Amino acid sequence: MEVDVPEGKSIVPCNIKAGDVLFFNGSVIHGSYPNQTKERFRRAFICHYVAESTSRIGKGYGPLYRFDGSAVDIETNSKGLPCGIDWEHEFEIH
């Protein structure tokens, strides 16, 4: 899905190489260009760190656990989906 750049903001490229790591917060509008290799697919390892004080979270990000392994009881936002969802296909956005 492509979104318009908010007024007063600009695109900031972040060129990374295979094996590099990129950290950013959930307020960053982010994306990438299509994979240009024909012989392999793009892999990504995505982690989401959530403060226990968070009042609700997208349903695709639960369950949440504390460091001791106990579950965090938190309200979910039914419209929140995890990264990697094909929004156009999932919701027929055209």
PDB file of N, CA and C in Angstrom:
ATOM      1  N   MET A   1       0.845  -1.163   0.000  1.00  0.00           N
ATOM      2  CA  MET A   1       0.000   0.000   0.000  1.00  0.00           C
ATOM      3  C   MET A   1       0.897   1.235   0.000  1.00  0.00           C
ATOM      4  N   GLU A   2       0.560   2.193  -0.758  1.00  0.00           N
ATOM      5  CA  GLU A   2       1.337   3.427  -0.818  1.00  0.00           C
ATOM      6  C   GLU A   2       0.546   4.549  -0.172  1.00  0.00           C
ATOM      7  N   VAL A   3       1.223   5.344   0.634  1.00  0.00           N
ATOM      8  CA  VAL A   3       0.567   6.479   1.286  1.00  0.00           C
ATOM      9  C   VAL A   3       1.249   7.768   0.848  1.00  0.00           C
ATOM     10  N   ASP A   4       0.505   8.849   0.883  1.00  0.00           N
ATOM     11  CA  ASP A   4       1.077  10.151   0.549  1.00  0.00           C
ATOM     12  C   ASP A   4       1.978  10.620   1.678  1.00  0.00           C
ATOM     13  N   VAL A   5       3.026  11.338   1.308  1.00  0.00           N
ATOM     14  CA  VAL A   5       3.921  11.919   2.303  1.00  0.00           C
ATOM     15  C   VAL A   5       3.163  13.060   2.980  1.00  0.00           C
ATOM     16  N   PRO A   6       3.101  13.070   4.313  1.00  0.00           N
ATOM     17  CA  PRO A   6       2.375  14.138   5.012  1.00  0.00           C
ATOM     18  C   PRO A   6       2.931  15.520   4.664  1.00  0.00           C
ATOM     19  N   GLU A   7       2.059  16.496   4.662  1.00  0.00           N
ATOM     20  CA  GLU A   7       2.454  17.865   4.354  1.00  0.00           C
ATOM     21  C   GLU A   7       3.562  18.313   5.311  1.00  0.00           C
ATOM     22  N   GLY A   8       4.562  18.954   4.738  1.00  0.00           N
ATOM     23  CA  GLY A   8       5.681  19.443   5.536  1.00  0.00           C
ATOM     24  C   GLY A   8       6.745  18.398   5.820  1.00  0.00           C
ATOM     25  N   LYS A   9       6.549  17.183   5.360  1.00  0.00           N
ATOM     26  CA  LYS A   9       7.514  16.102   5.576  1.00  0.00           C
ATOM     27  C   LYS A   9       8.121  15.695   4.244  1.00  0.00           C
ATOM     28  N   SER A  10       9.231  14.972   4.287  1.00  0.00           N
ATOM     29  CA  SER A  10       9.857  14.501   3.056  1.00  0.00           C
ATOM     30  C   SER A  10      10.350  13.071   3.247  1.00  0.00           C
ATOM     31  N   ILE A  11      10.571  12.397   2.137  1.00  0.00           N
ATOM     32  CA  ILE A  11      11.090  11.033   2.162  1.00  0.00           C
ATOM     33  C   ILE A  11      12.575  11.088   2.504  1.00  0.00           C
ATOM     34  N   VAL A  12      12.976  10.239   3.426  1.00  0.00           N
ATOM     35  CA  VAL A  12      14.384  10.152   3.809  1.00  0.00           C
ATOM     36  C   VAL A  12      14.829   8.728   3.504  1.00  0.00           C
ATOM     37  N   PRO A  13      15.656   8.546   2.460  1.00  0.00           N
ATOM     38  CA  PRO A  13      16.090   7.186   2.136  1.00  0.00           C
ATOM     39  C   PRO A  13      17.034   6.627   3.201  1.00  0.00           C
ATOM     40  N   CYS A  14      16.940   5.354   3.410  1.00  0.00           N
ATOM     41  CA  CYS A  14      17.820   4.651   4.337  1.00  0.00           C
ATOM     42  C   CYS A  14      18.315   3.412   3.600  1.00  0.00           C
ATOM     43  N   ASN A  15      19.436   3.546   2.959  1.00  0.00           N
ATOM     44  CA  ASN A  15      19.978   2.442   2.167  1.00  0.00           C
ATOM     45  C   ASN A  15      20.732   1.487   3.077  1.00  0.00           C
ATOM     46  N   ILE A  16      20.232   0.272   3.181  1.00  0.00           N
ATOM     47  CA  ILE A  16      20.883  -0.733   3.999  1.00  0.00           C
ATOM     48  C   ILE A  16      21.258  -1.925   3.133  1.00  0.00           C
ATOM     49  N   LYS A  17      22.234  -2.664   3.599  1.00  0.00           N
ATOM     50  CA  LYS A  17      22.716  -3.839   2.865  1.00  0.00           C
ATOM     51  C   LYS A  17      22.253  -5.102   3.569  1.00  0.00           C
ATOM     52  N   ALA A  18      22.344  -6.206   2.873  1.00  0.00           N
ATOM     53  CA  ALA A  18      22.002  -7.503   3.467  1.00  0.00           C
ATOM     54  C   ALA A  18      22.749  -7.662   4.785  1.00  0.00           C
ATOM     55  N   GLY A  19      22.040  -8.054   5.818  1.00  0.00           N
ATOM     56  CA  GLY A  19      22.646  -8.261   7.122  1.00  0.00           C
ATOM     57  C   GLY A  19      22.612  -7.037   8.023  1.00  0.00           C
ATOM     58  N   ASP A  20      22.268  -5.857   7.485  1.00  0.00           N
ATOM     59  CA  ASP A  20      22.175  -4.649   8.295  1.00  0.00           C
ATOM     60  C   ASP A  20      20.938  -4.710   9.185  1.00  0.00           C
ATOM     61  N   VAL A  21      20.918  -3.868  10.211  1.00  0.00           N
ATOM     62  CA  VAL A  21      19.802  -3.778  11.137  1.00  0.00           C
ATOM     63  C   VAL A  21      19.290  -2.351  11.136  1.00  0.00           C
ATOM     64  N   LEU A  22      17.971  -2.200  11.179  1.00  0.00           N
ATOM     65  CA  LEU A  22      17.339  -0.885  11.213  1.00  0.00           C
ATOM     66  C   LEU A  22      16.337  -0.859  12.354  1.00  0.00           C
ATOM     67  N   PHE A  23      16.436   0.153  13.218  1.00  0.00           N
ATOM     68  CA  PHE A  23      15.500   0.330  14.325  1.00  0.00           C
ATOM     69  C   PHE A  23      14.728   1.622  14.097  1.00  0.00           C
ATOM     70  N   PHE A  24      13.425   1.595  14.303  1.00  0.00           N
ATOM     71  CA  PHE A  24      12.613   2.807  14.241  1.00  0.00           C
ATOM     72  C   PHE A  24      11.363   2.599  15.072  1.00  0.00           C
ATOM     73  N   ASN A  25      10.703   3.716  15.428  1.00  0.00           N
ATOM     74  CA  ASN A  25       9.507   3.570  16.249  1.00  0.00           C
ATOM     75  C   ASN A  25       8.267   3.421  15.381  1.00  0.00           C
ATOM     76  N   GLY A  26       7.150   3.077  16.018  1.00  0.00           N
ATOM     77  CA  GLY A  26       5.928   2.773  15.295  1.00  0.00           C
ATOM     78  C   GLY A  26       5.266   3.960  14.629  1.00  0.00           C
ATOM     79  N   SER A  27       5.754   5.167  14.882  1.00  0.00           N
ATOM     80  CA  SER A  27       5.180   6.354  14.241  1.00  0.00           C
ATOM     81  C   SER A  27       5.799   6.639  12.879  1.00  0.00           C
ATOM     82  N   VAL A  28       6.814   5.901  12.516  1.00  0.00           N
ATOM     83  CA  VAL A  28       7.504   6.128  11.240  1.00  0.00           C
ATOM     84  C   VAL A  28       6.732   5.446  10.110  1.00  0.00           C
ATOM     85  N   ILE A  29       6.337   6.230   9.114  1.00  0.00           N
ATOM     86  CA  ILE A  29       5.753   5.646   7.904  1.00  0.00           C
ATOM     87  C   ILE A  29       6.928   5.035   7.154  1.00  0.00           C
ATOM     88  N   HIS A  30       6.865   3.751   6.885  1.00  0.00           N
ATOM     89  CA  HIS A  30       8.028   3.081   6.301  1.00  0.00           C
ATOM     90  C   HIS A  30       7.608   2.106   5.204  1.00  0.00           C
ATOM     91  N   GLY A  31       8.570   1.756   4.391  1.00  0.00           N
ATOM     92  CA  GLY A  31       8.314   0.810   3.315  1.00  0.00           C
ATOM     93  C   GLY A  31       9.587   0.530   2.558  1.00  0.00           C
ATOM     94  N   SER A  32       9.462  -0.214   1.497  1.00  0.00           N
ATOM     95  CA  SER A  32      10.625  -0.529   0.676  1.00  0.00           C
ATOM     96  C   SER A  32      10.182  -0.705  -0.768  1.00  0.00           C
ATOM     97  N   TYR A  33      11.162  -0.641  -1.635  1.00  0.00           N
ATOM     98  CA  TYR A  33      10.884  -0.902  -3.042  1.00  0.00           C
ATOM     99  C   TYR A  33      10.756  -2.409  -3.237  1.00  0.00           C
ATOM    100  N   PRO A  34      10.154  -2.851  -4.331  1.00  0.00           N
ATOM    101  CA  PRO A  34      10.019  -4.300  -4.566  1.00  0.00           C
ATOM    102  C   PRO A  34      11.374  -5.003  -4.616  1.00  0.00           C
ATOM    103  N   ASN A  35      11.376  -6.250  -4.202  1.00  0.00           N
ATOM    104  CA  ASN A  35      12.568  -7.081  -4.277  1.00  0.00           C
ATOM    105  C   ASN A  35      12.978  -7.213  -5.746  1.00  0.00           C
ATOM    106  N   GLN A  36      14.242  -6.986  -6.043  1.00  0.00           N
ATOM    107  CA  GLN A  36      14.706  -7.033  -7.431  1.00  0.00           C
ATOM    108  C   GLN A  36      15.419  -8.329  -7.788  1.00  0.00           C
ATOM    109  N   THR A  37      15.547  -9.234  -6.845  1.00  0.00           N
ATOM    110  CA  THR A  37      16.199 -10.499  -7.161  1.00  0.00           C
ATOM    111  C   THR A  37      15.163 -11.511  -7.618  1.00  0.00           C
ATOM    112  N   LYS A  38      15.516 -12.304  -8.589  1.00  0.00           N
ATOM    113  CA  LYS A  38      14.598 -13.309  -9.120  1.00  0.00           C
ATOM    114  C   LYS A  38      14.816 -14.683  -8.484  1.00  0.00           C
ATOM    115  N   GLU A  39      16.004 -14.913  -7.903  1.00  0.00           N
ATOM    116  CA  GLU A  39      16.326 -16.241  -7.396  1.00  0.00           C
ATOM    117  C   GLU A  39      16.099 -16.409  -5.893  1.00  0.00           C
ATOM    118  N   ARG A  40      15.685 -15.351  -5.184  1.00  0.00           N
ATOM    119  CA  ARG A  40      15.414 -15.495  -3.754  1.00  0.00           C
ATOM    120  C   ARG A  40      14.400 -14.441  -3.302  1.00  0.00           C
ATOM    121  N   PHE A  41      13.799 -14.691  -2.160  1.00  0.00           N
ATOM    122  CA  PHE A  41      12.824 -13.755  -1.627  1.00  0.00           C
ATOM    123  C   PHE A  41      13.477 -12.930  -0.514  1.00  0.00           C
ATOM    124  N   ARG A  42      12.850 -11.840  -0.173  1.00  0.00           N
ATOM    125  CA  ARG A  42      13.351 -10.957   0.883  1.00  0.00           C
ATOM    126  C   ARG A  42      12.924 -11.509   2.232  1.00  0.00           C
ATOM    127  N   ARG A  43      13.870 -11.531   3.140  1.00  0.00           N
ATOM    128  CA  ARG A  43      13.583 -11.993   4.494  1.00  0.00           C
ATOM    129  C   ARG A  43      13.710 -10.819   5.451  1.00  0.00           C
ATOM    130  N   ALA A  44      12.875 -10.811   6.465  1.00  0.00           N
ATOM    131  CA  ALA A  44      12.955  -9.785   7.495  1.00  0.00           C
ATOM    132  C   ALA A  44      12.575 -10.404   8.829  1.00  0.00           C
ATOM    133  N   PHE A  45      13.254  -9.986   9.861  1.00  0.00           N
ATOM    134  CA  PHE A  45      12.936 -10.397  11.227  1.00  0.00           C
ATOM    135  C   PHE A  45      12.429  -9.154  11.926  1.00  0.00           C
ATOM    136  N   ILE A  46      11.173  -9.163  12.323  1.00  0.00           N
ATOM    137  CA  ILE A  46      10.534  -7.977  12.891  1.00  0.00           C
ATOM    138  C   ILE A  46      10.190  -8.237  14.349  1.00  0.00           C
ATOM    139  N   CYS A  47      10.616  -7.336  15.228  1.00  0.00           N
ATOM    140  CA  CYS A  47      10.280  -7.406  16.648  1.00  0.00           C
ATOM    141  C   CYS A  47       9.569  -6.127  17.044  1.00  0.00           C
ATOM    142  N   HIS A  48       8.576  -6.254  17.877  1.00  0.00           N
ATOM    143  CA  HIS A  48       7.846  -5.093  18.382  1.00  0.00           C
ATOM    144  C   HIS A  48       7.987  -5.076  19.901  1.00  0.00           C
ATOM    145  N   TYR A  49       8.542  -3.997  20.408  1.00  0.00           N
ATOM    146  CA  TYR A  49       8.664  -3.821  21.847  1.00  0.00           C
ATOM    147  C   TYR A  49       7.530  -2.908  22.294  1.00  0.00           C
ATOM    148  N   VAL A  50       6.777  -3.348  23.289  1.00  0.00           N
ATOM    149  CA  VAL A  50       5.598  -2.619  23.734  1.00  0.00           C
ATOM    150  C   VAL A  50       5.703  -2.406  25.240  1.00  0.00           C
ATOM    151  N   ALA A  51       5.535  -1.154  25.672  1.00  0.00           N
ATOM    152  CA  ALA A  51       5.543  -0.862  27.111  1.00  0.00           C
ATOM    153  C   ALA A  51       4.325  -1.499  27.770  1.00  0.00           C
ATOM    154  N   GLU A  52       4.503  -2.022  28.951  1.00  0.00           N
ATOM    155  CA  GLU A  52       3.383  -2.641  29.653  1.00  0.00           C
ATOM    156  C   GLU A  52       2.287  -1.618  29.941  1.00  0.00           C
ATOM    157  N   SER A  53       2.636  -0.340  29.959  1.00  0.00           N
ATOM    158  CA  SER A  53       1.658   0.713  30.226  1.00  0.00           C
ATOM    159  C   SER A  53       0.773   1.006  29.005  1.00  0.00           C
ATOM    160  N   THR A  54       1.053   0.367  27.871  1.00  0.00           N
ATOM    161  CA  THR A  54       0.247   0.566  26.665  1.00  0.00           C
ATOM    162  C   THR A  54      -1.201   0.191  26.963  1.00  0.00           C
ATOM    163  N   SER A  55      -2.151   1.028  26.517  1.00  0.00           N
ATOM    164  CA  SER A  55      -3.552   0.784  26.856  1.00  0.00           C
ATOM    165  C   SER A  55      -4.259  -0.165  25.889  1.00  0.00           C
ATOM    166  N   ARG A  56      -3.813  -0.209  24.622  1.00  0.00           N
ATOM    167  CA  ARG A  56      -4.370  -1.190  23.683  1.00  0.00           C
ATOM    168  C   ARG A  56      -3.402  -1.355  22.517  1.00  0.00           C
ATOM    169  N   ILE A  57      -3.603  -2.464  21.799  1.00  0.00           N
ATOM    170  CA  ILE A  57      -2.671  -2.808  20.727  1.00  0.00           C
ATOM    171  C   ILE A  57      -3.451  -3.518  19.618  1.00  0.00           C
ATOM    172  N   GLY A  58      -2.929  -3.460  18.398  1.00  0.00           N
ATOM    173  CA  GLY A  58      -3.570  -4.150  17.278  1.00  0.00           C
ATOM    174  C   GLY A  58      -3.668  -5.638  17.554  1.00  0.00           C
ATOM    175  N   LYS A  59      -4.785  -6.240  17.142  1.00  0.00           N
ATOM    176  CA  LYS A  59      -5.028  -7.659  17.450  1.00  0.00           C
ATOM    177  C   LYS A  59      -3.954  -8.578  16.905  1.00  0.00           C
ATOM    178  N   GLY A  60      -3.265  -8.176  15.857  1.00  0.00           N
ATOM    179  CA  GLY A  60      -2.235  -9.021  15.274  1.00  0.00           C
ATOM    180  C   GLY A  60      -0.942  -9.066  16.058  1.00  0.00           C
ATOM    181  N   TYR A  61      -0.822  -8.260  17.118  1.00  0.00           N
ATOM    182  CA  TYR A  61       0.423  -8.198  17.882  1.00  0.00           C
ATOM    183  C   TYR A  61       0.343  -8.929  19.213  1.00  0.00           C
ATOM    184  N   GLY A  62      -0.779  -9.559  19.493  1.00  0.00           N
ATOM    185  CA  GLY A  62      -0.900 -10.262  20.759  1.00  0.00           C
ATOM    186  C   GLY A  62      -0.683 -11.750  20.554  1.00  0.00           C
ATOM    187  N   PRO A  63      -0.525 -12.509  21.572  1.00  0.00           N
ATOM    188  CA  PRO A  63      -0.502 -12.042  22.953  1.00  0.00           C
ATOM    189  C   PRO A  63       0.833 -11.408  23.309  1.00  0.00           C
ATOM    190  N   LEU A  64       0.833 -10.597  24.353  1.00  0.00           N
ATOM    191  CA  LEU A  64       2.046  -9.968  24.872  1.00  0.00           C
ATOM    192  C   LEU A  64       2.437 -10.665  26.160  1.00  0.00           C
ATOM    193  N   TYR A  65       3.739 -10.759  26.394  1.00  0.00           N
ATOM    194  CA  TYR A  65       4.243 -11.409  27.600  1.00  0.00           C
ATOM    195  C   TYR A  65       5.262 -10.523  28.292  1.00  0.00           C
ATOM    196  N   ARG A  66       5.290 -10.602  29.609  1.00  0.00           N
ATOM    197  CA  ARG A  66       6.310  -9.928  30.410  1.00  0.00           C
ATOM    198  C   ARG A  66       7.591 -10.761  30.356  1.00  0.00           C
ATOM    199  N   PHE A  67       8.671 -10.191  30.867  1.00  0.00           N
ATOM    200  CA  PHE A  67       9.945 -10.914  30.881  1.00  0.00           C
ATOM    201  C   PHE A  67       9.864 -12.208  31.684  1.00  0.00           C
ATOM    202  N   ASP A  68       8.967 -12.250  32.675  1.00  0.00           N
ATOM    203  CA  ASP A  68       8.849 -13.475  33.474  1.00  0.00           C
ATOM    204  C   ASP A  68       7.964 -14.529  32.810  1.00  0.00           C
ATOM    205  N   GLY A  69       7.418 -14.202  31.615  1.00  0.00           N
ATOM    206  CA  GLY A  69       6.607 -15.155  30.873  1.00  0.00           C
ATOM    207  C   GLY A  69       5.114 -15.034  31.114  1.00  0.00           C
ATOM    208  N   SER A  70       4.702 -14.212  32.076  1.00  0.00           N
ATOM    209  CA  SER A  70       3.263 -14.054  32.329  1.00  0.00           C
ATOM    210  C   SER A  70       2.645 -13.167  31.256  1.00  0.00           C
ATOM    211  N   ALA A  71       1.384 -13.433  30.944  1.00  0.00           N
ATOM    212  CA  ALA A  71       0.690 -12.698  29.881  1.00  0.00           C
ATOM    213  C   ALA A  71       0.255 -11.318  30.361  1.00  0.00           C
ATOM    214  N   VAL A  72       0.272 -10.345  29.451  1.00  0.00           N
ATOM    215  CA  VAL A  72      -0.224  -9.001  29.721  1.00  0.00           C
ATOM    216  C   VAL A  72      -1.657  -8.945  29.208  1.00  0.00           C
ATOM    217  N   ASP A  73      -2.592  -8.611  30.095  1.00  0.00           N
ATOM    218  CA  ASP A  73      -3.996  -8.492  29.713  1.00  0.00           C
ATOM    219  C   ASP A  73      -4.189  -7.086  29.158  1.00  0.00           C
ATOM    220  N   ILE A  74      -4.473  -6.980  27.853  1.00  0.00           N
ATOM    221  CA  ILE A  74      -4.551  -5.673  27.204  1.00  0.00           C
ATOM    222  C   ILE A  74      -5.678  -5.678  26.170  1.00  0.00           C
ATOM    223  N   GLU A  75      -6.341  -4.538  26.048  1.00  0.00           N
ATOM    224  CA  GLU A  75      -7.403  -4.393  25.052  1.00  0.00           C
ATOM    225  C   GLU A  75      -6.791  -4.403  23.655  1.00  0.00           C
ATOM    226  N   THR A  76      -7.484  -5.039  22.708  1.00  0.00           N
ATOM    227  CA  THR A  76      -6.983  -5.055  21.337  1.00  0.00           C
ATOM    228  C   THR A  76      -7.824  -4.150  20.447  1.00  0.00           C
ATOM    229  N   ASN A  77      -7.169  -3.576  19.468  1.00  0.00           N
ATOM    230  CA  ASN A  77      -7.826  -2.760  18.455  1.00  0.00           C
ATOM    231  C   ASN A  77      -8.157  -3.700  17.304  1.00  0.00           C
ATOM    232  N   SER A  78      -9.434  -3.930  17.034  1.00  0.00           N
ATOM    233  CA  SER A  78      -9.842  -4.910  16.026  1.00  0.00           C
ATOM    234  C   SER A  78      -9.394  -4.543  14.621  1.00  0.00           C
ATOM    235  N   LYS A  79      -9.045  -3.279  14.374  1.00  0.00           N
ATOM    236  CA  LYS A  79      -8.611  -2.866  13.039  1.00  0.00           C
ATOM    237  C   LYS A  79      -7.098  -2.958  12.865  1.00  0.00           C
ATOM    238  N   GLY A  80      -6.385  -3.223  13.935  1.00  0.00           N
ATOM    239  CA  GLY A  80      -4.930  -3.295  13.859  1.00  0.00           C
ATOM    240  C   GLY A  80      -4.460  -4.633  13.348  1.00  0.00           C
ATOM    241  N   LEU A  81      -3.706  -4.624  12.260  1.00  0.00           N
ATOM    242  CA  LEU A  81      -3.173  -5.859  11.678  1.00  0.00           C
ATOM    243  C   LEU A  81      -1.656  -5.843  11.726  1.00  0.00           C
ATOM    244  N   PRO A  82      -1.018  -6.995  11.739  1.00  0.00           N
ATOM    245  CA  PRO A  82       0.440  -7.048  11.821  1.00  0.00           C
ATOM    246  C   PRO A  82       1.123  -6.591  10.543  1.00  0.00           C
ATOM    247  N   CYS A  83       2.398  -6.244  10.672  1.00  0.00           N
ATOM    248  CA  CYS A  83       3.213  -5.889   9.503  1.00  0.00           C
ATOM    249  C   CYS A  83       3.193  -7.044   8.513  1.00  0.00           C
ATOM    250  N   GLY A  84       3.306  -6.710   7.238  1.00  0.00           N
ATOM    251  CA  GLY A  84       3.372  -7.735   6.214  1.00  0.00           C
ATOM    252  C   GLY A  84       2.039  -8.093   5.596  1.00  0.00           C
ATOM    253  N   ILE A  85       0.941  -7.549   6.131  1.00  0.00           N
ATOM    254  CA  ILE A  85      -0.374  -7.823   5.544  1.00  0.00           C
ATOM    255  C   ILE A  85      -0.462  -7.123   4.193  1.00  0.00           C
ATOM    256  N   ASP A  86      -0.968  -7.816   3.205  1.00  0.00           N
ATOM    257  CA  ASP A  86      -1.205  -7.213   1.894  1.00  0.00           C
ATOM    258  C   ASP A  86      -2.532  -6.470   1.982  1.00  0.00           C
ATOM    259  N   TRP A  87      -2.470  -5.196   2.360  1.00  0.00           N
ATOM    260  CA  TRP A  87      -3.673  -4.402   2.612  1.00  0.00           C
ATOM    261  C   TRP A  87      -4.587  -4.344   1.400  1.00  0.00           C
ATOM    262  N   GLU A  88      -4.039  -4.180   0.203  1.00  0.00           N
ATOM    263  CA  GLU A  88      -4.875  -4.092  -0.990  1.00  0.00           C
ATOM    264  C   GLU A  88      -5.647  -5.384  -1.205  1.00  0.00           C
ATOM    265  N   HIS A  89      -4.983  -6.522  -0.996  1.00  0.00           N
ATOM    266  CA  HIS A  89      -5.634  -7.806  -1.178  1.00  0.00           C
ATOM    267  C   HIS A  89      -6.599  -8.079  -0.029  1.00  0.00           C
ATOM    268  N   GLU A  90      -6.141  -7.822   1.182  1.00  0.00           N
ATOM    269  CA  GLU A  90      -6.943  -8.109   2.374  1.00  0.00           C
ATOM    270  C   GLU A  90      -8.240  -7.310   2.417  1.00  0.00           C
ATOM    271  N   PHE A  91      -8.172  -6.046   1.984  1.00  0.00           N
ATOM    272  CA  PHE A  91      -9.323  -5.161   2.102  1.00  0.00           C
ATOM    273  C   PHE A  91      -9.836  -4.663   0.759  1.00  0.00           C
ATOM    274  N   GLU A  92      -9.306  -5.233  -0.328  1.00  0.00           N
ATOM    275  CA  GLU A  92      -9.706  -4.850  -1.687  1.00  0.00           C
ATOM    276  C   GLU A  92      -9.663  -3.345  -1.889  1.00  0.00           C
ATOM    277  N   ILE A  93      -8.525  -2.737  -1.499  1.00  0.00           N
ATOM    278  CA  ILE A  93      -8.293  -1.301  -1.706  1.00  0.00           C
ATOM    279  C   ILE A  93      -7.703  -1.122  -3.083  1.00  0.00           C
ATOM    280  N   HIS A  94      -8.308  -0.273  -3.906  1.00  0.00           N
ATOM    281  CA  HIS A  94      -7.780  -0.039  -5.250  1.00  0.00           C
ATOM    282  C   HIS A  94      -7.790   1.441  -5.559  1.00  0.00           C
TER     283      HIS A  94
END
